[in-house]
Amino acid sequence: MPGTVVAGIDGSPESRAAVEWAAREALLRGLPLKIVYVSEPVPRRLAQNPLLAPESYQHWAEQMLRESVEGIRLRHPGIAVVAEQLIGTVADLLCEAAGSAEMLVLGSRGLGAVGGFLGGSVSLAVVARAERPVVLVRAGEQAAAEHETQRAGVSSTAAPFRPVVLGLDIDDPNDTLLEFAFDAAACRKAPLRVVHSRPEPPTAFYRFSGDAELRDSLARGQAGLLSKVLRPWRQKLPDVEVIESSRTGSAAQNLVEDSRDASLAVVGRRIRTGLFGARIGHVAHAAIHHVAAPVAVVAHG
């Protein structure tokens, strides 16, 4: 289904949080929601066990999907939602489901290890191979957590959204990544904080006359390049407040730090096909494991 938000569910708390987040995102974007459950075929020798019989799996999966759809319709009556059960290799079918979707949403434990669909090689395979945006949502993610804290110290969906945070490489900016981040901010009527990290200048390890001036000049130059990259998008979406952050240091560490108050963190992943196959860059990898907010990994050429 083109123009659809697809959410993967496997019964874990992480995946249930992902489905709920996907429903809210579908409402924000005015899109339908599709909930997908993928089961691996049960080996014949194990299928003889009554607890592992295909009929038992089928009944459990149908009930889980039915309850999930009914819950979404009850909590979000304005959304069009369908469910689909698939049998095959989980990573392959999730990537296939993402291929024609606006985005694929999966569950994640957020900090540290990942679980649910994101268990080990399956998670990495989906994120590394899917050619559409994949959003990872941690267990316990609540709608209110994406909104600003009010004066009483309580988060509420009535408050404005927290910023959308984008990690951007200005040496190789990509329109697909920028468009996703600006659209996400526009849907939320939230600020977009664009984080660009530059390496330490050659003078970082020694000092000489004129060092401070050189460092300031390099910083101004990099900040100017960031502004230049963002200028066409500011003009295209003038209602989006853009906050530019250009500083030295590790790109991964800076993004994680700047995402502490984010409603959504956005990172890019270059689509690579070669000897070593698909891979996840170190910045995206750090975001997946260390950013508490939902993380969108946007594949681009």
Protein backbone atom coordinates (compact mmCIF):
# COMPACT_ATOMS: atom_id res chain seq x y z
CA MET A 1 0.00 0.00 0.00
CA PRO A 2 1.73 3.21 -1.09
CA GLY A 3 1.53 6.14 1.29
CA THR A 4 1.05 3.82 4.27
CA VAL A 5 2.68 3.69 7.69
CA VAL A 6 3.60 0.04 8.33
CA ALA A 7 4.24 -1.25 11.85
CA GLY A 8 5.72 -4.63 12.71
CA ILE A 9 4.34 -6.44 15.73
CA ASP A 10 5.52 -9.62 17.45
CA GLY A 11 3.69 -9.44 20.77
CA SER A 12 6.55 -7.82 22.71
CA PRO A 13 6.06 -4.58 24.68
CA GLU A 14 8.51 -2.91 22.30
CA SER A 15 6.48 -3.79 19.24
CA ARG A 16 3.21 -2.73 20.89
CA ALA A 17 4.75 0.66 21.64
CA ALA A 18 5.85 0.83 18.00
CA VAL A 19 2.31 0.15 16.76
CA GLU A 20 0.93 2.89 19.00
CA TRP A 21 3.59 5.35 17.79
CA ALA A 22 2.88 4.37 14.19
CA ALA A 23 -0.82 5.09 14.71
CA ARG A 24 -0.06 8.58 16.02
CA GLU A 25 2.31 9.19 13.11
CA ALA A 26 -0.30 8.02 10.61
CA LEU A 27 -2.79 10.48 12.09
CA LEU A 28 -0.26 13.32 11.93
CA ARG A 29 0.40 12.59 8.26
CA GLY A 30 -3.17 11.71 7.29
CA LEU A 31 -2.15 8.19 6.20
CA PRO A 32 -3.55 4.69 6.77
CA LEU A 33 -1.84 2.24 9.11
CA LYS A 34 -0.94 -1.36 8.32
CA ILE A 35 0.07 -3.74 11.11
CA VAL A 36 2.19 -6.69 10.02
CA TYR A 37 3.07 -9.88 11.87
CA VAL A 38 5.69 -12.19 10.35
CA SER A 39 6.21 -15.74 11.60
CA GLU A 40 8.96 -18.12 10.62
CA PRO A 41 7.80 -21.55 9.38
CA VAL A 42 7.90 -24.12 12.19
CA PRO A 43 10.30 -27.01 11.41
CA ARG A 44 8.41 -30.26 10.79
CA ARG A 45 9.98 -32.08 13.74
CA LEU A 46 8.92 -29.27 16.12
CA ALA A 47 5.45 -28.92 14.64
CA GLN A 48 4.58 -32.28 16.21
CA ASN A 49 4.64 -30.59 19.60
CA PRO A 50 1.05 -29.46 20.36
CA LEU A 51 2.34 -26.19 21.81
CA LEU A 52 4.22 -25.42 18.58
CA ALA A 53 1.61 -26.67 16.12
CA PRO A 54 0.91 -24.32 13.20
CA GLU A 55 -2.73 -24.12 14.28
CA SER A 56 -1.70 -22.81 17.70
CA TYR A 57 0.56 -20.18 16.16
CA GLN A 58 -2.15 -19.20 13.72
CA HIS A 59 -4.75 -18.76 16.44
CA TRP A 60 -2.38 -16.73 18.63
CA ALA A 61 -1.29 -14.50 15.74
CA GLU A 62 -4.85 -13.86 14.58
CA GLN A 63 -5.93 -12.95 18.10
CA MET A 64 -2.94 -10.65 18.61
CA LEU A 65 -3.56 -8.83 15.34
CA ARG A 66 -7.28 -8.55 15.98
CA GLU A 67 -6.74 -7.08 19.45
CA SER A 68 -4.13 -4.68 18.11
CA VAL A 69 -6.42 -3.40 15.35
CA GLU A 70 -9.38 -3.08 17.72
CA GLY A 71 -7.24 -1.19 20.22
CA ILE A 72 -6.02 1.27 17.58
CA ARG A 73 -9.55 1.87 16.30
CA LEU A 74 -10.76 2.46 19.85
CA ARG A 75 -7.97 4.90 20.79
CA HIS A 76 -7.71 6.56 17.37
CA PRO A 77 -11.17 6.42 15.74
CA GLY A 78 -10.10 8.60 12.82
CA ILE A 79 -7.49 6.20 11.48
CA ALA A 80 -7.85 3.61 8.71
CA VAL A 81 -6.09 0.46 9.93
CA VAL A 82 -5.63 -3.03 8.49
CA ALA A 83 -3.58 -6.05 9.56
CA GLU A 84 -1.68 -8.73 7.67
CA GLN A 85 -0.08 -11.99 8.75
CA LEU A 86 2.87 -13.27 6.73
CA ILE A 87 4.94 -16.46 6.89
CA GLY A 88 8.58 -16.49 5.88
CA THR A 89 11.93 -14.99 6.77
CA VAL A 90 11.19 -12.09 9.12
CA ALA A 91 13.86 -9.65 7.90
CA ASP A 92 13.08 -10.31 4.24
CA LEU A 93 9.34 -9.79 4.58
CA LEU A 94 9.70 -6.70 6.76
CA CYS A 95 12.03 -5.15 4.19
CA GLU A 96 9.53 -6.05 1.49
CA ALA A 97 6.70 -4.45 3.49
CA ALA A 98 8.77 -1.30 3.90
CA GLY A 99 9.48 -1.10 0.17
CA SER A 100 6.19 0.51 -0.78
CA ALA A 101 5.42 2.23 2.53
CA GLU A 102 5.94 5.75 3.80
CA MET A 103 7.91 4.23 6.68
CA LEU A 104 8.34 1.02 8.65
CA VAL A 105 8.03 1.23 12.45
CA LEU A 106 9.57 -1.40 14.74
CA GLY A 107 10.06 -1.78 18.46
CA SER A 108 13.35 -1.25 20.28
CA ARG A 109 14.51 -1.28 23.86
CA GLY A 110 16.13 2.06 23.03
CA LEU A 111 19.07 2.26 25.40
CA GLY A 112 21.57 -0.56 25.17
CA ALA A 113 20.37 -3.81 23.62
CA VAL A 114 17.44 -4.11 21.25
CA GLY A 115 14.59 -6.60 21.34
CA GLY A 116 11.41 -7.81 19.72
CA PHE A 117 11.81 -7.71 15.95
CA LEU A 118 15.09 -5.97 16.68
CA GLY A 119 16.78 -9.00 18.16
CA GLY A 120 20.37 -9.28 16.98
CA SER A 121 20.87 -9.95 13.30
CA VAL A 122 17.20 -9.43 12.38
CA SER A 123 17.18 -5.83 13.54
CA LEU A 124 20.43 -4.98 11.84
CA ALA A 125 19.32 -6.68 8.64
CA VAL A 126 16.08 -4.67 8.47
CA VAL A 127 17.68 -1.32 9.25
CA ALA A 128 20.64 -1.98 6.97
CA ARG A 129 18.64 -3.29 4.01
CA ALA A 130 15.33 -1.42 3.96
CA GLU A 131 15.29 1.33 1.35
CA ARG A 132 12.52 3.29 3.06
CA PRO A 133 12.74 5.04 6.45
CA VAL A 134 12.72 2.70 9.44
CA VAL A 135 11.64 4.16 12.79
CA LEU A 136 12.68 2.40 16.01
CA VAL A 137 10.52 2.96 19.08
CA ARG A 138 11.46 1.88 22.59
CA ALA A 139 9.19 0.03 25.00
CA GLY A 140 7.22 2.34 27.27
CA GLU A 141 7.21 5.20 24.78
CA GLN A 142 4.23 7.41 25.62
CA ALA A 143 2.63 10.13 23.53
CA ALA A 144 3.18 12.69 26.29
CA ALA A 145 6.94 12.00 26.26
CA GLU A 146 7.16 13.61 22.81
CA HIS A 147 5.78 16.91 24.12
CA GLU A 148 7.30 19.75 26.11
CA THR A 149 7.11 19.67 29.90
CA GLN A 150 4.58 22.13 31.27
CA ARG A 151 5.15 24.47 34.20
CA ALA A 152 3.95 21.88 36.69
CA GLY A 153 6.67 19.56 35.45
CA VAL A 154 4.22 17.24 33.72
CA SER A 155 4.33 16.33 30.02
CA SER A 156 1.04 16.52 28.16
CA THR A 157 -0.09 16.00 24.58
CA ALA A 158 -1.67 19.46 24.83
CA ALA A 159 1.83 21.00 24.98
CA PRO A 160 3.96 21.66 21.87
CA PHE A 161 6.09 18.85 20.49
CA ARG A 162 9.72 18.60 21.50
CA PRO A 163 12.23 19.30 18.68
CA VAL A 164 12.93 16.95 15.84
CA VAL A 165 16.72 16.43 15.74
CA LEU A 166 18.56 15.71 12.49
CA GLY A 167 22.15 14.54 12.23
CA LEU A 168 23.52 15.98 8.99
CA ASP A 169 26.80 15.62 7.10
CA ILE A 170 27.13 18.89 5.15
CA ASP A 171 29.88 17.42 2.98
CA ASP A 172 27.29 15.04 1.53
CA PRO A 173 23.79 16.43 2.25
CA ASN A 174 20.92 14.40 0.87
CA ASP A 175 17.50 15.68 -0.15
CA THR A 176 15.71 12.48 0.91
CA LEU A 177 17.05 12.82 4.45
CA LEU A 178 16.37 16.56 4.63
CA GLU A 179 12.86 16.16 3.26
CA PHE A 180 11.99 13.50 5.84
CA ALA A 181 13.29 15.62 8.72
CA PHE A 182 11.57 18.82 7.58
CA ASP A 183 8.30 16.95 6.97
CA ALA A 184 8.48 15.36 10.43
CA ALA A 185 8.98 18.78 12.03
CA ALA A 186 6.22 20.34 9.93
CA CYS A 187 3.73 17.59 10.87
CA ARG A 188 4.47 18.19 14.54
CA LYS A 189 4.71 21.98 14.25
CA ALA A 190 7.98 21.46 16.10
CA PRO A 191 11.41 23.05 15.76
CA LEU A 192 13.99 21.20 13.69
CA ARG A 193 17.43 21.08 15.29
CA VAL A 194 20.08 20.27 12.71
CA VAL A 195 23.27 18.89 14.23
CA HIS A 196 26.47 19.08 12.22
CA SER A 197 29.77 17.92 13.69
CA ARG A 198 33.16 18.94 12.38
CA PRO A 199 36.52 17.42 13.27
CA GLU A 200 38.93 19.15 15.57
CA PRO A 201 41.16 21.58 13.63
CA PRO A 202 44.84 20.76 13.14
CA THR A 203 45.70 23.11 15.99
CA ALA A 204 43.73 21.05 18.53
CA PHE A 205 46.89 19.36 19.78
CA TYR A 206 49.22 22.31 19.81
CA ARG A 207 49.06 26.09 20.01
CA PHE A 208 50.67 28.87 18.00
CA SER A 209 50.21 32.55 17.36
CA GLY A 210 46.91 33.17 15.62
CA ASP A 211 45.45 29.85 16.75
CA ALA A 212 42.25 31.35 18.15
CA GLU A 213 41.61 33.33 14.98
CA LEU A 214 42.07 30.24 12.83
CA ARG A 215 39.69 28.19 14.95
CA ASP A 216 37.06 30.94 14.82
CA SER A 217 37.47 31.24 11.07
CA LEU A 218 37.03 27.47 10.57
CA ALA A 219 33.96 27.46 12.84
CA ARG A 220 32.36 30.36 10.96
CA GLY A 221 33.08 28.67 7.64
CA GLN A 222 31.45 25.41 8.68
CA ALA A 223 28.45 27.20 10.18
CA GLY A 224 28.09 29.16 6.95
CA LEU A 225 28.12 25.96 4.90
CA LEU A 226 25.41 24.48 7.13
CA SER A 227 23.26 27.56 6.62
CA LYS A 228 23.79 27.35 2.87
CA VAL A 229 22.66 23.71 2.76
CA LEU A 230 19.54 24.49 4.78
CA ARG A 231 18.57 27.71 2.98
CA PRO A 232 16.49 26.09 0.18
CA TRP A 233 14.58 24.02 2.73
CA ARG A 234 13.92 27.04 4.94
CA GLN A 235 12.45 28.75 1.89
CA LYS A 236 10.40 25.69 0.93
CA LEU A 237 9.00 25.21 4.44
CA PRO A 238 9.18 28.65 6.06
CA ASP A 239 6.90 27.68 8.94
CA VAL A 240 9.46 25.22 10.30
CA GLU A 241 11.70 26.80 12.91
CA VAL A 242 15.26 25.65 12.22
CA ILE A 243 17.91 25.58 14.92
CA GLU A 244 21.43 25.15 13.57
CA SER A 245 24.05 23.42 15.71
CA SER A 246 27.56 23.20 14.27
CA ARG A 247 30.40 22.23 16.61
CA THR A 248 33.49 20.10 16.90
CA GLY A 249 33.52 16.59 18.25
CA SER A 250 32.22 13.14 17.50
CA ALA A 251 29.19 13.17 15.20
CA ALA A 252 27.66 10.22 17.05
CA GLN A 253 28.23 11.69 20.51
CA ASN A 254 26.96 15.14 19.53
CA LEU A 255 23.79 13.69 18.01
CA VAL A 256 23.07 11.58 21.10
CA GLU A 257 23.59 14.60 23.37
CA ASP A 258 21.45 16.91 21.24
CA SER A 259 18.66 14.31 21.12
CA ARG A 260 18.09 14.17 24.87
CA ASP A 261 15.03 16.41 24.55
CA ALA A 262 13.93 15.24 21.09
CA SER A 263 10.52 13.98 20.05
CA LEU A 264 12.23 12.21 17.13
CA ALA A 265 15.86 11.77 16.09
CA VAL A 266 16.62 11.41 12.37
CA VAL A 267 19.79 9.95 10.88
CA GLY A 268 20.77 8.90 7.39
CA ARG A 269 22.09 5.63 6.05
CA ARG A 270 23.75 5.46 2.67
CA ILE A 271 22.50 2.58 0.51
CA ARG A 272 25.57 0.53 -0.33
CA THR A 273 25.75 -2.59 -2.46
CA GLY A 274 29.17 -4.11 -2.74
CA LEU A 275 31.54 -6.76 -1.54
CA PHE A 276 30.58 -6.38 2.12
CA GLY A 277 26.84 -5.88 1.52
CA ALA A 278 24.58 -3.49 3.40
CA ARG A 279 25.80 -1.82 6.56
CA ILE A 280 24.79 0.70 9.20
CA GLY A 281 27.02 3.73 9.74
CA HIS A 282 28.47 4.43 13.16
CA VAL A 283 26.28 7.50 13.73
CA ALA A 284 23.06 5.60 12.98
CA HIS A 285 24.31 2.70 15.11
CA ALA A 286 24.96 5.03 18.07
CA ALA A 287 21.54 6.64 17.69
CA ILE A 288 19.77 3.26 17.61
CA HIS A 289 21.42 2.15 20.83
CA HIS A 290 21.74 5.36 22.84
CA VAL A 291 18.95 7.82 21.92
CA ALA A 292 15.90 7.41 24.16
CA ALA A 293 13.52 9.08 21.70
CA PRO A 294 12.21 7.27 18.61
CA VAL A 295 14.91 7.09 15.94
CA ALA A 296 14.25 7.31 12.20
CA VAL A 297 16.96 5.79 9.98
CA VAL A 298 16.49 7.17 6.48
CA ALA A 299 18.11 5.27 3.62
CA HIS A 300 19.40 7.37 0.74
CA GLY A 301 21.61 7.08 -2.31
